[in-house]
Amino acid sequence: MPSSGRLIGIILIAAGVLVGAIAGVWLMSGINEGTLRGSGATFGLLFIFLILVAPLVGGGIYFLVRGGAEEKATAHARALRRLLDMVTTRGQVTILDIAAELGMTRDQIEGDLYDLVGMGLFTGYVDWSKGVLHSVEAAQLQGMQHCPNCGGPLELAGKGLIKCPYCGAEIFLGPGGPVEVAPPPAQAISARGGVQ
């Protein structure tokens, strides 16, 4: 079903074409009957085109283009919702399963996942090498020092993003952003040379 913008655009274009056709028939009949002369017909044609037909068709094209953009935005939001629902309900899902069920490429999945993270809707982590997405509550991820995927130490990679330098897993912390990942406590050496 077309969006309301596209429907309005189609109606306006059809109305503009119909008004133009009716005006053309009226002008032609006036010329044939001799009640309308060349200069009057030209003025009438210009008047009808500029005042009625052009605004209707122009407005219709505007609404048609805008409606197309609305449909694309709605389809993208629907795809994001389906991806989020799939990952959060299953807890763990492979990229191949997502691609098969949603008809998306790996790049589209990655882009949509980053969009969800940017909106603060997805928390969890991704193992890109194995192609697996894990949905985890943000509270469980806050303050992590080791990768939930391989156990390696983590590095801050951006706002709300921690990356494992060993396996490449990306941990998304959600809208609260990362809690500072504390370095492992250094062992202190006492004055006697022992490790405390």
C-alpha atoms as a PDB file:
ATOM      1  CA  MET A   1       0.000   0.000   0.000  1.00  0.00           C
ATOM      2  CA  PRO A   2       1.476   3.374  -0.948  1.00  0.00           C
ATOM      3  CA  SER A   3       2.167   5.932   1.759  1.00  0.00           C
ATOM      4  CA  SER A   4      -0.201   8.864   2.196  1.00  0.00           C
ATOM      5  CA  GLY A   5       2.348  11.217   0.571  1.00  0.00           C
ATOM      6  CA  ARG A   6       2.592   9.064  -2.542  1.00  0.00           C
ATOM      7  CA  LEU A   7      -1.182   8.712  -2.720  1.00  0.00           C
ATOM      8  CA  ILE A   8      -1.662  12.491  -2.484  1.00  0.00           C
ATOM      9  CA  GLY A   9       1.007  12.951  -5.153  1.00  0.00           C
ATOM     10  CA  ILE A  10      -0.706  10.545  -7.534  1.00  0.00           C
ATOM     11  CA  ILE A  11      -4.083  12.235  -6.962  1.00  0.00           C
ATOM     12  CA  LEU A  12      -2.632  15.726  -7.577  1.00  0.00           C
ATOM     13  CA  ILE A  13      -0.849  14.661 -10.769  1.00  0.00           C
ATOM     14  CA  ALA A  14      -4.012  12.952 -12.044  1.00  0.00           C
ATOM     15  CA  ALA A  15      -6.061  16.053 -11.202  1.00  0.00           C
ATOM     16  CA  GLY A  16      -3.558  18.286 -13.020  1.00  0.00           C
ATOM     17  CA  VAL A  17      -3.629  16.099 -16.127  1.00  0.00           C
ATOM     18  CA  LEU A  18      -7.440  15.944 -16.028  1.00  0.00           C
ATOM     19  CA  VAL A  19      -7.793  19.728 -15.662  1.00  0.00           C
ATOM     20  CA  GLY A  20      -5.314  20.223 -18.513  1.00  0.00           C
ATOM     21  CA  ALA A  21      -7.217  17.791 -20.748  1.00  0.00           C
ATOM     22  CA  ILE A  22     -10.601  19.384 -19.992  1.00  0.00           C
ATOM     23  CA  ALA A  23      -9.183  22.878 -20.581  1.00  0.00           C
ATOM     24  CA  GLY A  24      -7.611  21.751 -23.868  1.00  0.00           C
ATOM     25  CA  VAL A  25     -10.905  20.298 -25.115  1.00  0.00           C
ATOM     26  CA  TRP A  26     -12.765  23.470 -24.050  1.00  0.00           C
ATOM     27  CA  LEU A  27     -10.262  25.727 -25.841  1.00  0.00           C
ATOM     28  CA  MET A  28     -10.315  23.597 -28.999  1.00  0.00           C
ATOM     29  CA  SER A  29     -14.114  23.628 -29.092  1.00  0.00           C
ATOM     30  CA  GLY A  30     -14.094  27.432 -28.667  1.00  0.00           C
ATOM     31  CA  ILE A  31     -11.687  27.813 -31.601  1.00  0.00           C
ATOM     32  CA  ASN A  32     -13.741  25.418 -33.785  1.00  0.00           C
ATOM     33  CA  GLU A  33     -16.993  27.245 -33.022  1.00  0.00           C
ATOM     34  CA  GLY A  34     -15.377  30.608 -33.760  1.00  0.00           C
ATOM     35  CA  THR A  35     -16.152  32.002 -30.286  1.00  0.00           C
ATOM     36  CA  LEU A  36     -12.472  32.070 -29.363  1.00  0.00           C
ATOM     37  CA  ARG A  37      -9.683  33.633 -31.393  1.00  0.00           C
ATOM     38  CA  GLY A  38      -5.941  32.832 -31.454  1.00  0.00           C
ATOM     39  CA  SER A  39      -4.816  35.402 -28.880  1.00  0.00           C
ATOM     40  CA  GLY A  40      -7.634  34.490 -26.467  1.00  0.00           C
ATOM     41  CA  ALA A  41      -6.867  30.783 -26.875  1.00  0.00           C
ATOM     42  CA  THR A  42      -3.169  31.404 -26.186  1.00  0.00           C
ATOM     43  CA  PHE A  43      -3.981  33.488 -23.106  1.00  0.00           C
ATOM     44  CA  GLY A  44      -6.456  30.869 -21.875  1.00  0.00           C
ATOM     45  CA  LEU A  45      -3.963  28.065 -22.428  1.00  0.00           C
ATOM     46  CA  LEU A  46      -1.195  29.905 -20.543  1.00  0.00           C
ATOM     47  CA  PHE A  47      -3.576  30.896 -17.745  1.00  0.00           C
ATOM     48  CA  ILE A  48      -4.873  27.363 -17.232  1.00  0.00           C
ATOM     49  CA  PHE A  49      -1.399  25.836 -17.459  1.00  0.00           C
ATOM     50  CA  LEU A  50       0.311  28.297 -15.091  1.00  0.00           C
ATOM     51  CA  ILE A  51      -2.508  28.736 -12.567  1.00  0.00           C
ATOM     52  CA  LEU A  52      -4.045  25.258 -12.443  1.00  0.00           C
ATOM     53  CA  VAL A  53      -2.088  22.510 -14.176  1.00  0.00           C
ATOM     54  CA  ALA A  54       1.521  23.382 -13.211  1.00  0.00           C
ATOM     55  CA  PRO A  55       0.827  23.804  -9.459  1.00  0.00           C
ATOM     56  CA  LEU A  56      -1.186  20.580  -9.308  1.00  0.00           C
ATOM     57  CA  VAL A  57       1.399  18.517 -11.201  1.00  0.00           C
ATOM     58  CA  GLY A  58       4.333  20.179  -9.373  1.00  0.00           C
ATOM     59  CA  GLY A  59       2.725  19.568  -5.987  1.00  0.00           C
ATOM     60  CA  GLY A  60       1.962  16.009  -7.020  1.00  0.00           C
ATOM     61  CA  ILE A  61       5.581  15.363  -7.970  1.00  0.00           C
ATOM     62  CA  TYR A  62       6.747  16.859  -4.657  1.00  0.00           C
ATOM     63  CA  PHE A  63       4.412  14.623  -2.636  1.00  0.00           C
ATOM     64  CA  LEU A  64       5.301  11.601  -4.773  1.00  0.00           C
ATOM     65  CA  VAL A  65       9.035  12.053  -4.106  1.00  0.00           C
ATOM     66  CA  ARG A  66       8.482  12.802  -0.435  1.00  0.00           C
ATOM     67  CA  GLY A  67       6.196   9.786  -0.085  1.00  0.00           C
ATOM     68  CA  GLY A  68       8.897   7.578  -1.602  1.00  0.00           C
ATOM     69  CA  ALA A  69      11.375   8.840   0.985  1.00  0.00           C
ATOM     70  CA  GLU A  70       8.822   8.158   3.738  1.00  0.00           C
ATOM     71  CA  GLU A  71       8.343   4.607   2.477  1.00  0.00           C
ATOM     72  CA  LYS A  72      12.112   3.995   2.497  1.00  0.00           C
ATOM     73  CA  ALA A  73      12.419   5.371   6.045  1.00  0.00           C
ATOM     74  CA  THR A  74       9.497   3.231   7.194  1.00  0.00           C
ATOM     75  CA  ALA A  75      10.960   0.124   5.554  1.00  0.00           C
ATOM     76  CA  HIS A  76      14.339   0.800   7.214  1.00  0.00           C
ATOM     77  CA  ALA A  77      12.686   1.255  10.620  1.00  0.00           C
ATOM     78  CA  ARG A  78      10.758  -1.989  10.078  1.00  0.00           C
ATOM     79  CA  ALA A  79      13.993  -3.823   9.183  1.00  0.00           C
ATOM     80  CA  LEU A  80      15.711  -2.441  12.301  1.00  0.00           C
ATOM     81  CA  ARG A  81      12.781  -3.569  14.441  1.00  0.00           C
ATOM     82  CA  ARG A  82      12.849  -7.080  12.965  1.00  0.00           C
ATOM     83  CA  LEU A  83      16.611  -7.353  13.505  1.00  0.00           C
ATOM     84  CA  LEU A  84      16.336  -6.132  17.096  1.00  0.00           C
ATOM     85  CA  ASP A  85      13.426  -8.470  17.842  1.00  0.00           C
ATOM     86  CA  MET A  86      15.285 -11.424  16.360  1.00  0.00           C
ATOM     87  CA  VAL A  87      18.463 -10.828  18.381  1.00  0.00           C
ATOM     88  CA  THR A  88      16.792  -9.954  21.688  1.00  0.00           C
ATOM     89  CA  THR A  89      14.301 -12.817  21.653  1.00  0.00           C
ATOM     90  CA  ARG A  90      16.851 -15.468  20.766  1.00  0.00           C
ATOM     91  CA  GLY A  91      19.721 -14.005  22.779  1.00  0.00           C
ATOM     92  CA  GLN A  92      22.232 -15.374  20.288  1.00  0.00           C
ATOM     93  CA  VAL A  93      21.855 -15.548  16.524  1.00  0.00           C
ATOM     94  CA  THR A  94      24.231 -16.043  13.624  1.00  0.00           C
ATOM     95  CA  ILE A  95      24.629 -13.471  10.887  1.00  0.00           C
ATOM     96  CA  LEU A  96      23.834 -16.198   8.342  1.00  0.00           C
ATOM     97  CA  ASP A  97      20.463 -16.837  10.031  1.00  0.00           C
ATOM     98  CA  ILE A  98      19.683 -13.115  10.012  1.00  0.00           C
ATOM     99  CA  ALA A  99      20.697 -12.818   6.367  1.00  0.00           C
ATOM    100  CA  ALA A 100      18.513 -15.786   5.404  1.00  0.00           C
ATOM    101  CA  GLU A 101      15.437 -14.729   7.395  1.00  0.00           C
ATOM    102  CA  LEU A 102      15.563 -10.992   6.678  1.00  0.00           C
ATOM    103  CA  GLY A 103      17.045 -11.114   3.177  1.00  0.00           C
ATOM    104  CA  MET A 104      19.943  -8.821   4.092  1.00  0.00           C
ATOM    105  CA  THR A 105      23.645  -8.795   3.277  1.00  0.00           C
ATOM    106  CA  ARG A 106      26.342  -8.860   5.970  1.00  0.00           C
ATOM    107  CA  ASP A 107      27.098  -5.168   5.318  1.00  0.00           C
ATOM    108  CA  GLN A 108      23.417  -4.259   5.728  1.00  0.00           C
ATOM    109  CA  ILE A 109      23.250  -6.222   8.988  1.00  0.00           C
ATOM    110  CA  GLU A 110      26.386  -4.501  10.272  1.00  0.00           C
ATOM    111  CA  GLY A 111      25.058  -1.067   9.311  1.00  0.00           C
ATOM    112  CA  ASP A 112      21.664  -1.737  10.899  1.00  0.00           C
ATOM    113  CA  LEU A 113      23.317  -3.069  14.051  1.00  0.00           C
ATOM    114  CA  TYR A 114      25.394   0.102  14.373  1.00  0.00           C
ATOM    115  CA  ASP A 115      22.212   2.141  13.825  1.00  0.00           C
ATOM    116  CA  LEU A 116      20.530   0.253  16.696  1.00  0.00           C
ATOM    117  CA  VAL A 117      23.553   0.820  18.925  1.00  0.00           C
ATOM    118  CA  GLY A 118      23.599   4.524  18.017  1.00  0.00           C
ATOM    119  CA  MET A 119      19.926   4.790  19.001  1.00  0.00           C
ATOM    120  CA  GLY A 120      20.687   3.050  22.293  1.00  0.00           C
ATOM    121  CA  LEU A 121      18.421   0.098  21.484  1.00  0.00           C
ATOM    122  CA  PHE A 122      20.939  -2.756  21.355  1.00  0.00           C
ATOM    123  CA  THR A 123      23.342  -3.941  24.010  1.00  0.00           C
ATOM    124  CA  GLY A 124      25.425  -7.038  23.652  1.00  0.00           C
ATOM    125  CA  TYR A 125      28.413  -8.148  21.685  1.00  0.00           C
ATOM    126  CA  VAL A 126      29.310  -9.417  18.245  1.00  0.00           C
ATOM    127  CA  ASP A 127      31.934 -11.934  17.253  1.00  0.00           C
ATOM    128  CA  TRP A 128      32.496 -10.876  13.656  1.00  0.00           C
ATOM    129  CA  SER A 129      34.951 -13.706  12.959  1.00  0.00           C
ATOM    130  CA  LYS A 130      32.378 -16.379  13.892  1.00  0.00           C
ATOM    131  CA  GLY A 131      29.461 -14.282  12.674  1.00  0.00           C
ATOM    132  CA  VAL A 132      27.439 -14.440  15.914  1.00  0.00           C
ATOM    133  CA  LEU A 133      25.439 -11.680  17.651  1.00  0.00           C
ATOM    134  CA  HIS A 134      24.770 -11.929  21.369  1.00  0.00           C
ATOM    135  CA  SER A 135      22.153  -9.844  23.139  1.00  0.00           C
ATOM    136  CA  VAL A 136      23.145  -9.127  26.739  1.00  0.00           C
ATOM    137  CA  GLU A 137      21.647  -6.745  29.273  1.00  0.00           C
ATOM    138  CA  ALA A 138      23.696  -3.558  29.585  1.00  0.00           C
ATOM    139  CA  ALA A 139      24.028  -4.029  33.346  1.00  0.00           C
ATOM    140  CA  GLN A 140      25.911  -7.288  32.763  1.00  0.00           C
ATOM    141  CA  LEU A 141      28.352  -5.574  30.395  1.00  0.00           C
ATOM    142  CA  GLN A 142      29.146  -2.521  32.506  1.00  0.00           C
ATOM    143  CA  GLY A 143      32.581  -2.631  34.069  1.00  0.00           C
ATOM    144  CA  MET A 144      33.710  -5.748  32.196  1.00  0.00           C
ATOM    145  CA  GLN A 145      37.449  -6.160  32.014  1.00  0.00           C
ATOM    146  CA  HIS A 146      37.580  -9.352  29.978  1.00  0.00           C
ATOM    147  CA  CYS A 147      35.985 -10.274  26.680  1.00  0.00           C
ATOM    148  CA  PRO A 148      32.856 -12.446  27.111  1.00  0.00           C
ATOM    149  CA  ASN A 149      33.840 -14.191  23.882  1.00  0.00           C
ATOM    150  CA  CYS A 150      37.512 -15.112  24.389  1.00  0.00           C
ATOM    151  CA  GLY A 151      38.456 -13.835  27.853  1.00  0.00           C
ATOM    152  CA  GLY A 152      41.079 -11.354  26.584  1.00  0.00           C
ATOM    153  CA  PRO A 153      41.500  -7.862  28.079  1.00  0.00           C
ATOM    154  CA  LEU A 154      39.238  -5.208  26.585  1.00  0.00           C
ATOM    155  CA  GLU A 155      39.962  -1.776  25.109  1.00  0.00           C
ATOM    156  CA  LEU A 156      37.667   1.233  24.788  1.00  0.00           C
ATOM    157  CA  ALA A 157      36.974   1.804  21.108  1.00  0.00           C
ATOM    158  CA  GLY A 158      34.393   4.608  21.241  1.00  0.00           C
ATOM    159  CA  LYS A 159      31.398   5.891  23.127  1.00  0.00           C
ATOM    160  CA  GLY A 160      29.409   2.873  24.213  1.00  0.00           C
ATOM    161  CA  LEU A 161      31.779   0.507  22.412  1.00  0.00           C
ATOM    162  CA  ILE A 162      34.499  -1.746  23.773  1.00  0.00           C
ATOM    163  CA  LYS A 163      36.551  -3.917  21.444  1.00  0.00           C
ATOM    164  CA  CYS A 164      38.563  -7.037  22.092  1.00  0.00           C
ATOM    165  CA  PRO A 165      41.957  -6.742  20.377  1.00  0.00           C
ATOM    166  CA  TYR A 166      42.346 -10.536  20.336  1.00  0.00           C
ATOM    167  CA  CYS A 167      39.171 -11.929  18.796  1.00  0.00           C
ATOM    168  CA  GLY A 168      37.751  -8.696  17.350  1.00  0.00           C
ATOM    169  CA  ALA A 169      34.475  -8.949  19.290  1.00  0.00           C
ATOM    170  CA  GLU A 170      32.706  -5.617  19.729  1.00  0.00           C
ATOM    171  CA  ILE A 171      30.817  -5.041  22.968  1.00  0.00           C
ATOM    172  CA  PHE A 172      27.989  -2.502  22.780  1.00  0.00           C
ATOM    173  CA  LEU A 173      27.087  -0.987  26.126  1.00  0.00           C
ATOM    174  CA  GLY A 174      24.021   0.997  25.196  1.00  0.00           C
ATOM    175  CA  PRO A 175      22.939   4.566  25.944  1.00  0.00           C
ATOM    176  CA  GLY A 176      24.682   4.845  29.317  1.00  0.00           C
ATOM    177  CA  GLY A 177      28.037   4.580  27.586  1.00  0.00           C
ATOM    178  CA  PRO A 178      30.942   2.638  28.946  1.00  0.00           C
ATOM    179  CA  VAL A 179      31.926   2.514  32.521  1.00  0.00           C
ATOM    180  CA  GLU A 180      35.674   3.007  32.526  1.00  0.00           C
ATOM    181  CA  VAL A 181      37.303  -0.361  32.025  1.00  0.00           C
ATOM    182  CA  ALA A 182      39.784  -0.494  34.857  1.00  0.00           C
ATOM    183  CA  PRO A 183      43.176  -1.936  34.078  1.00  0.00           C
ATOM    184  CA  PRO A 184      43.994  -5.108  35.983  1.00  0.00           C
ATOM    185  CA  PRO A 185      45.396  -4.227  39.394  1.00  0.00           C
ATOM    186  CA  ALA A 186      49.174  -4.054  39.295  1.00  0.00           C
ATOM    187  CA  GLN A 187      50.960  -6.149  41.822  1.00  0.00           C
ATOM    188  CA  ALA A 188      52.798  -4.000  44.275  1.00  0.00           C
ATOM    189  CA  ILE A 189      56.327  -4.900  45.329  1.00  0.00           C
ATOM    190  CA  SER A 190      57.038  -4.439  48.980  1.00  0.00           C
ATOM    191  CA  ALA A 191      60.227  -2.962  50.355  1.00  0.00           C
ATOM    192  CA  ARG A 192      61.375  -6.486  51.144  1.00  0.00           C
ATOM    193  CA  GLY A 193      61.097  -7.501  47.463  1.00  0.00           C
ATOM    194  CA  GLY A 194      57.951  -9.612  47.824  1.00  0.00           C
ATOM    195  CA  VAL A 195      54.814  -9.262  45.734  1.00  0.00           C
ATOM    196  CA  GLN A 196      51.794  -8.013  47.639  1.00  0.00           C
END
